[in-house]
Amino acid sequence: MKALIHAEKAGFEGLRLREVEEKLPQAGEVRVKLKTAGLNHRDLFVVLTRHKPTDPPVIVGSDGAGIVDAIGEGVTGVQVGDEVMINPSLGWKEKSDAPPAGFDILGHPTDGTFSEKIIVPAANVVAKPSYLTWEEAGVLSLAALTAYRALVTRGKVQSGMKVFIPGIGSGVATFLLQFAKAAGASVYVSSRSKEKCEKALALGADQAFDTGADWEQEFNGEKMDLIIECVGAATFNRSLNQLRPGGTIVTFGSSTGDSIQFDLRAFFYGQFNLLGSTMGSGEEYKEMIEFMEKHQIRPAVDRIFPLEQYKEAFDRLENAKQLGKIGLSIS
């Protein structure tokens, strides 16, 4: 079968479509014939940070959806022919304060979804909601689960809250916007792209403004109950200044740098809450799917490329040209 593998060389030079052996699922596993898969910044990170020629080959990719075509011994509740989505969160079953030891994400070091077929634990497939297209179902899992845990489990979003999402445009950010609106919150977003601001307004944002603008002026004195931060050093302190006393910042990313400095005295006098978040559990994945079905939420799909055009897909993601999710059509 055909698969997109990273091996032998650093960066994009090590990324190649290759023929690999098709395997059978073992006990407790299922094999899925994939129809679509989704790109995430994690895939970029994997490709760009594997530098040693001795690094073992890996099929990249975390998101995917398709049809079960084989099941291993002892599998119940899943049948050949079932239409499913793949939860890429491995080894994290129940909701908890933090992932358990042994938690991993599909796509590295475990082979991922950029292939014609994939074998995963039966517990990591969930029935595809009938209202979603294959393109939508195949691109949502990692980003939607990350957004759901950050916003609902950690951020405890409630109706009537004011929520700010700086750096709208990524798959996670667009899910945050849609989930927060569905929960009844007022949602504010920012981007350096006028086009992304306009698209965010079309998705339901109450206000969208240029990230480079004067935030005090843009917010017109409003303070936020909840801010979901993934930009990092470039915006963190500006976000903190827009938080109401007792408000909460949840952070799940740091695309502009991992290290920041902030005024600790202002922080504790403000009674602020700072929470970290990443991915989510199988329990939260099922809650998320139920939430999406209840509100008929569809992922914002940016572009779908054939698997053979993976270079164009990665380029679009690396240069932040997308609003929403980029996908790969596999079969």
Protein backbone atom coordinates (compact mmCIF):
# COMPACT_ATOMS: atom_id res chain seq x y z
CA MET A 1 0.00 0.00 0.00
CA LYS A 2 1.01 3.62 -0.48
CA ALA A 3 2.15 5.73 2.49
CA LEU A 4 3.82 9.09 3.14
CA ILE A 5 6.97 8.27 5.11
CA HIS A 6 9.63 10.42 6.72
CA ALA A 7 13.04 8.76 6.78
CA GLU A 8 16.77 9.05 6.09
CA LYS A 9 17.00 12.83 5.57
CA ALA A 10 16.11 15.86 7.67
CA GLY A 11 13.11 18.07 6.97
CA PHE A 12 11.04 17.87 3.81
CA GLU A 13 13.84 16.10 1.93
CA GLY A 14 13.09 13.01 3.98
CA LEU A 15 9.40 12.97 3.09
CA ARG A 16 8.48 10.49 0.34
CA LEU A 17 5.51 8.51 -0.93
CA ARG A 18 6.50 4.84 -0.76
CA GLU A 19 5.03 1.37 -1.04
CA VAL A 20 4.87 -0.42 2.33
CA GLU A 21 3.71 -3.82 3.45
CA GLU A 22 0.04 -4.18 4.29
CA LYS A 23 -0.43 -5.82 7.72
CA LEU A 24 -3.29 -7.50 9.56
CA PRO A 25 -4.67 -6.18 12.87
CA GLN A 26 -3.72 -8.00 16.05
CA ALA A 27 -5.92 -8.70 19.07
CA GLY A 28 -7.89 -5.61 20.08
CA GLU A 29 -7.05 -3.74 16.87
CA VAL A 30 -8.87 -2.73 13.71
CA ARG A 31 -7.64 -1.80 10.24
CA VAL A 32 -9.17 1.21 8.53
CA LYS A 33 -9.06 1.89 4.80
CA LEU A 34 -8.63 5.64 4.88
CA LYS A 35 -10.56 8.01 2.65
CA THR A 36 -9.25 11.34 3.97
CA ALA A 37 -6.66 12.61 6.43
CA GLY A 38 -5.92 16.02 7.93
CA LEU A 39 -2.73 18.04 8.37
CA ASN A 40 -1.77 19.56 11.70
CA HIS A 41 1.14 21.71 12.87
CA ARG A 42 2.29 18.62 14.73
CA ASP A 43 3.02 16.99 11.37
CA LEU A 44 5.21 19.96 10.45
CA PHE A 45 6.99 19.67 13.80
CA VAL A 46 7.65 15.96 13.29
CA VAL A 47 9.05 16.45 9.80
CA LEU A 48 11.20 19.46 10.66
CA THR A 49 12.68 18.13 13.92
CA ARG A 50 13.76 14.64 12.86
CA HIS A 51 17.38 15.27 11.84
CA LYS A 52 19.26 11.99 12.27
CA PRO A 53 19.62 9.54 9.36
CA THR A 54 19.27 6.81 11.99
CA ASP A 55 15.80 7.98 13.07
CA PRO A 56 13.44 5.08 12.27
CA PRO A 57 11.03 5.61 9.35
CA VAL A 58 7.59 6.83 10.38
CA ILE A 59 4.32 7.36 8.54
CA VAL A 60 3.23 10.85 9.57
CA GLY A 61 -0.31 12.09 10.16
CA SER A 62 -2.73 12.07 13.10
CA ASP A 63 -6.20 12.76 11.64
CA GLY A 64 -8.13 10.36 9.46
CA ALA A 65 -11.47 8.80 8.57
CA GLY A 66 -12.41 5.76 6.56
CA ILE A 67 -14.01 2.32 6.50
CA VAL A 68 -13.07 -0.60 8.73
CA ASP A 69 -11.84 -3.44 6.49
CA ALA A 70 -10.41 -5.90 9.05
CA ILE A 71 -10.73 -6.55 12.78
CA GLY A 72 -8.48 -8.40 15.21
CA GLU A 73 -9.33 -11.05 17.74
CA GLY A 74 -11.55 -10.04 20.63
CA VAL A 75 -12.83 -6.80 19.07
CA THR A 76 -16.47 -6.05 19.85
CA GLY A 77 -18.66 -3.12 18.90
CA VAL A 78 -16.86 -2.56 15.60
CA GLN A 79 -17.58 -4.40 12.36
CA VAL A 80 -16.06 -4.60 8.91
CA GLY A 81 -17.76 -1.93 6.81
CA ASP A 82 -18.25 0.56 9.64
CA GLU A 83 -17.60 4.20 8.70
CA VAL A 84 -15.33 5.63 11.39
CA MET A 85 -13.16 8.53 12.48
CA ILE A 86 -9.85 7.97 14.24
CA ASN A 87 -9.07 9.44 17.66
CA PRO A 88 -5.28 10.08 17.59
CA SER A 89 -4.97 10.20 21.39
CA LEU A 90 -3.29 6.90 22.31
CA GLY A 91 -3.36 5.50 25.84
CA TRP A 92 -5.56 8.21 27.39
CA LYS A 93 -9.00 6.73 27.99
CA GLU A 94 -10.72 8.58 30.83
CA LYS A 95 -10.88 12.31 31.48
CA SER A 96 -8.16 13.31 33.97
CA ASP A 97 -6.13 16.28 35.18
CA ALA A 98 -3.26 15.26 32.89
CA PRO A 99 -2.53 12.44 30.47
CA PRO A 100 -1.32 9.17 32.01
CA ALA A 101 2.15 7.71 31.62
CA GLY A 102 2.50 6.13 28.20
CA PHE A 103 0.24 8.66 26.46
CA ASP A 104 1.17 9.27 22.85
CA ILE A 105 -0.24 10.78 19.68
CA LEU A 106 -0.70 8.91 16.43
CA GLY A 107 1.84 9.85 13.77
CA HIS A 108 5.08 9.69 15.76
CA PRO A 109 6.52 7.43 16.95
CA THR A 110 3.50 5.26 16.06
CA ASP A 111 2.76 5.18 12.32
CA GLY A 112 0.06 7.66 11.35
CA THR A 113 -2.73 8.33 8.90
CA PHE A 114 -1.02 9.50 5.70
CA SER A 115 -1.39 6.06 4.15
CA GLU A 116 -3.98 4.00 2.36
CA LYS A 117 -4.66 1.88 5.46
CA ILE A 118 -3.89 2.13 9.16
CA ILE A 119 -4.10 -0.23 12.15
CA VAL A 120 -5.21 1.31 15.46
CA PRO A 121 -6.68 0.08 18.76
CA ALA A 122 -10.40 -0.58 18.40
CA ALA A 123 -11.00 1.91 21.24
CA ASN A 124 -9.61 4.66 19.00
CA VAL A 125 -12.29 4.51 16.32
CA VAL A 126 -15.67 6.22 16.66
CA ALA A 127 -18.62 6.07 14.29
CA LYS A 128 -18.55 8.89 11.74
CA PRO A 129 -21.53 11.24 12.24
CA SER A 130 -23.74 10.89 9.17
CA TYR A 131 -24.04 14.65 8.61
CA LEU A 132 -20.29 15.03 8.06
CA THR A 133 -18.69 14.52 4.64
CA TRP A 134 -15.59 12.35 4.37
CA GLU A 135 -13.51 15.50 3.87
CA GLU A 136 -14.88 17.00 7.09
CA ALA A 137 -14.64 13.82 9.14
CA GLY A 138 -11.06 13.16 8.08
CA VAL A 139 -9.61 16.48 9.20
CA LEU A 140 -11.17 17.25 12.54
CA SER A 141 -9.98 14.88 15.28
CA LEU A 142 -6.75 16.33 16.69
CA ALA A 143 -7.74 19.98 16.37
CA ALA A 144 -11.30 19.54 17.62
CA LEU A 145 -10.23 17.43 20.61
CA THR A 146 -7.53 19.97 21.52
CA ALA A 147 -10.07 22.79 21.29
CA TYR A 148 -12.73 20.93 23.27
CA ARG A 149 -10.47 20.13 26.22
CA ALA A 150 -8.95 23.63 26.30
CA LEU A 151 -12.31 25.38 26.10
CA VAL A 152 -14.73 23.06 27.90
CA THR A 153 -12.76 20.84 30.30
CA ARG A 154 -10.06 23.33 31.26
CA GLY A 155 -11.64 26.70 30.45
CA LYS A 156 -15.14 25.71 31.66
CA VAL A 157 -16.80 27.92 29.08
CA GLN A 158 -20.34 28.99 29.94
CA SER A 159 -23.13 30.82 28.17
CA GLY A 160 -22.72 34.58 28.46
CA MET A 161 -18.94 34.51 28.81
CA LYS A 162 -16.67 36.78 26.79
CA VAL A 163 -14.01 34.64 25.07
CA PHE A 164 -10.97 35.91 23.16
CA ILE A 165 -8.99 33.83 20.66
CA PRO A 166 -5.86 35.62 19.38
CA GLY A 167 -4.41 34.31 16.13
CA ILE A 168 -7.53 32.95 14.44
CA GLY A 169 -6.80 30.78 11.41
CA SER A 170 -5.55 27.40 12.61
CA GLY A 171 -7.78 24.36 12.79
CA VAL A 172 -7.85 24.48 16.59
CA ALA A 173 -8.68 28.19 16.64
CA THR A 174 -11.61 27.80 14.23
CA PHE A 175 -13.00 24.97 16.37
CA LEU A 176 -12.58 27.14 19.47
CA LEU A 177 -14.64 29.83 17.76
CA GLN A 178 -17.40 27.45 16.71
CA PHE A 179 -17.52 25.60 20.05
CA ALA A 180 -17.59 28.81 22.10
CA LYS A 181 -20.42 30.25 20.00
CA ALA A 182 -22.36 26.99 20.33
CA ALA A 183 -21.90 27.20 24.12
CA GLY A 184 -23.48 30.68 24.09
CA ALA A 185 -20.35 32.80 24.57
CA SER A 186 -19.47 36.09 22.87
CA VAL A 187 -16.32 35.48 20.87
CA TYR A 188 -13.59 37.96 19.94
CA VAL A 189 -10.74 37.03 17.58
CA SER A 190 -7.68 38.62 16.04
CA SER A 191 -5.47 37.96 13.01
CA ARG A 192 -2.91 39.83 10.95
CA SER A 193 -4.89 38.73 7.89
CA LYS A 194 -7.92 40.80 6.89
CA GLU A 195 -9.24 37.81 4.94
CA LYS A 196 -9.05 35.57 8.01
CA CYS A 197 -10.85 38.18 10.10
CA GLU A 198 -13.63 38.33 7.52
CA LYS A 199 -13.93 34.54 7.43
CA ALA A 200 -14.00 34.41 11.24
CA LEU A 201 -16.91 36.85 11.25
CA ALA A 202 -18.67 34.60 8.73
CA LEU A 203 -18.13 31.67 11.14
CA GLY A 204 -19.86 33.64 13.89
CA ALA A 205 -17.24 35.76 15.64
CA ASP A 206 -18.75 38.81 17.35
CA GLN A 207 -15.66 40.92 16.66
CA ALA A 208 -12.50 40.39 14.62
CA PHE A 209 -9.58 42.81 14.44
CA ASP A 210 -5.97 43.10 13.32
CA THR A 211 -3.55 41.54 15.82
CA GLY A 212 -1.22 44.50 15.27
CA ALA A 213 -3.87 47.05 16.28
CA ASP A 214 -4.27 48.74 19.68
CA TRP A 215 -6.13 46.09 21.66
CA GLU A 216 -7.32 48.51 24.34
CA GLN A 217 -9.00 50.53 21.62
CA GLU A 218 -10.41 47.48 19.83
CA PHE A 219 -11.94 46.06 23.03
CA ASN A 220 -13.30 49.50 23.99
CA GLY A 221 -12.91 48.79 27.70
CA GLU A 222 -14.32 45.26 27.59
CA LYS A 223 -12.41 42.64 29.59
CA MET A 224 -12.49 38.93 28.81
CA ASP A 225 -13.65 36.09 31.05
CA LEU A 226 -11.63 33.49 29.16
CA ILE A 227 -8.71 33.74 26.72
CA ILE A 228 -7.41 30.73 24.80
CA GLU A 229 -3.76 31.33 23.89
CA CYS A 230 -1.77 29.41 21.31
CA VAL A 231 0.41 32.19 19.85
CA GLY A 232 2.83 32.39 22.77
CA ALA A 233 5.43 35.08 23.43
CA ALA A 234 4.17 37.51 20.79
CA THR A 235 0.72 37.94 22.36
CA PHE A 236 0.71 36.49 25.88
CA ASN A 237 1.21 39.73 27.83
CA ARG A 238 -1.22 41.60 25.62
CA SER A 239 -3.77 38.86 26.27
CA LEU A 240 -3.12 39.04 30.01
CA ASN A 241 -3.89 42.79 29.93
CA GLN A 242 -7.33 42.05 28.46
CA LEU A 243 -8.36 39.59 31.18
CA ARG A 244 -10.92 40.57 33.80
CA PRO A 245 -9.98 40.15 37.49
CA GLY A 246 -10.38 36.46 38.30
CA GLY A 247 -10.39 35.53 34.61
CA THR A 248 -8.68 32.55 33.02
CA ILE A 249 -6.08 32.02 30.30
CA VAL A 250 -5.72 28.53 28.85
CA THR A 251 -2.64 27.92 26.73
CA PHE A 252 -2.05 24.96 24.43
CA GLY A 253 0.62 26.26 22.03
CA SER A 254 3.56 28.59 21.57
CA SER A 255 4.10 29.20 17.87
CA THR A 256 6.08 32.41 18.52
CA GLY A 257 8.30 31.17 21.32
CA ASP A 258 8.18 29.04 24.46
CA SER A 259 9.60 31.54 26.97
CA ILE A 260 7.82 34.63 28.31
CA GLN A 261 8.13 37.13 31.15
CA PHE A 262 5.15 38.70 32.88
CA ASP A 263 4.44 40.84 35.92
CA LEU A 264 3.88 38.34 38.72
CA ARG A 265 2.55 40.96 41.15
CA ALA A 266 -0.08 42.15 38.67
CA PHE A 267 -0.94 38.49 38.07
CA PHE A 268 -1.65 37.58 41.66
CA TYR A 269 -3.38 40.88 42.45
CA GLY A 270 -5.58 40.19 39.42
CA GLN A 271 -6.50 36.77 40.87
CA PHE A 272 -5.89 35.33 37.40
CA ASN A 273 -5.90 31.64 36.47
CA LEU A 274 -3.32 30.21 34.05
CA LEU A 275 -3.96 26.68 32.79
CA GLY A 276 -2.12 24.42 30.38
CA SER A 277 -3.84 22.00 28.05
CA THR A 278 -2.98 19.54 25.32
CA MET A 279 -5.02 17.06 23.28
CA GLY A 280 -7.60 15.11 25.35
CA SER A 281 -8.89 11.71 26.40
CA GLY A 282 -11.08 9.16 24.67
CA GLU A 283 -13.90 10.17 27.01
CA GLU A 284 -13.56 13.81 25.93
CA TYR A 285 -13.37 12.75 22.29
CA LYS A 286 -16.79 11.11 22.55
CA GLU A 287 -18.18 14.13 24.45
CA MET A 288 -16.84 16.36 21.66
CA ILE A 289 -18.53 14.29 18.94
CA GLU A 290 -21.84 14.44 20.84
CA PHE A 291 -21.44 18.23 21.21
CA MET A 292 -20.74 18.61 17.49
CA GLU A 293 -23.72 16.45 16.54
CA LYS A 294 -26.03 18.36 18.91
CA HIS A 295 -25.05 21.70 17.34
CA GLN A 296 -24.40 20.32 13.82
CA ILE A 297 -20.91 21.82 13.83
CA ARG A 298 -18.83 21.28 10.72
CA PRO A 299 -15.09 21.89 10.57
CA ALA A 300 -13.89 24.85 8.55
CA VAL A 301 -12.17 23.06 5.65
CA ASP A 302 -9.59 25.18 3.87
CA ARG A 303 -8.29 22.94 1.06
CA ILE A 304 -8.23 19.23 0.22
CA PHE A 305 -5.22 17.99 -1.75
CA PRO A 306 -4.68 14.55 -3.30
CA LEU A 307 -2.14 12.57 -1.27
CA GLU A 308 0.29 12.89 -4.18
CA GLN A 309 0.25 16.68 -3.72
CA TYR A 310 1.48 16.50 -0.12
CA LYS A 311 4.24 19.04 -0.82
CA GLU A 312 1.67 21.72 -1.74
CA ALA A 313 -0.38 20.86 1.34
CA PHE A 314 2.60 21.14 3.71
CA ASP A 315 3.67 24.39 2.06
CA ARG A 316 0.24 25.93 2.62
CA LEU A 317 0.31 24.91 6.27
CA GLU A 318 3.91 26.04 6.87
CA ASN A 319 3.19 29.48 5.42
CA ALA A 320 -0.05 29.90 7.40
CA LYS A 321 -2.14 30.49 4.30
CA GLN A 322 -5.07 28.47 5.60
CA LEU A 323 -8.21 29.28 7.58
CA GLY A 324 -9.31 26.01 9.09
CA LYS A 325 -8.15 22.56 8.15
CA ILE A 326 -6.06 21.31 5.24
CA GLY A 327 -6.77 17.74 4.19
CA LEU A 328 -5.45 14.94 2.02
CA SER A 329 -7.70 12.80 -0.16
CA ILE A 330 -6.40 9.24 0.01
CA SER A 331 -8.97 6.95 -1.64
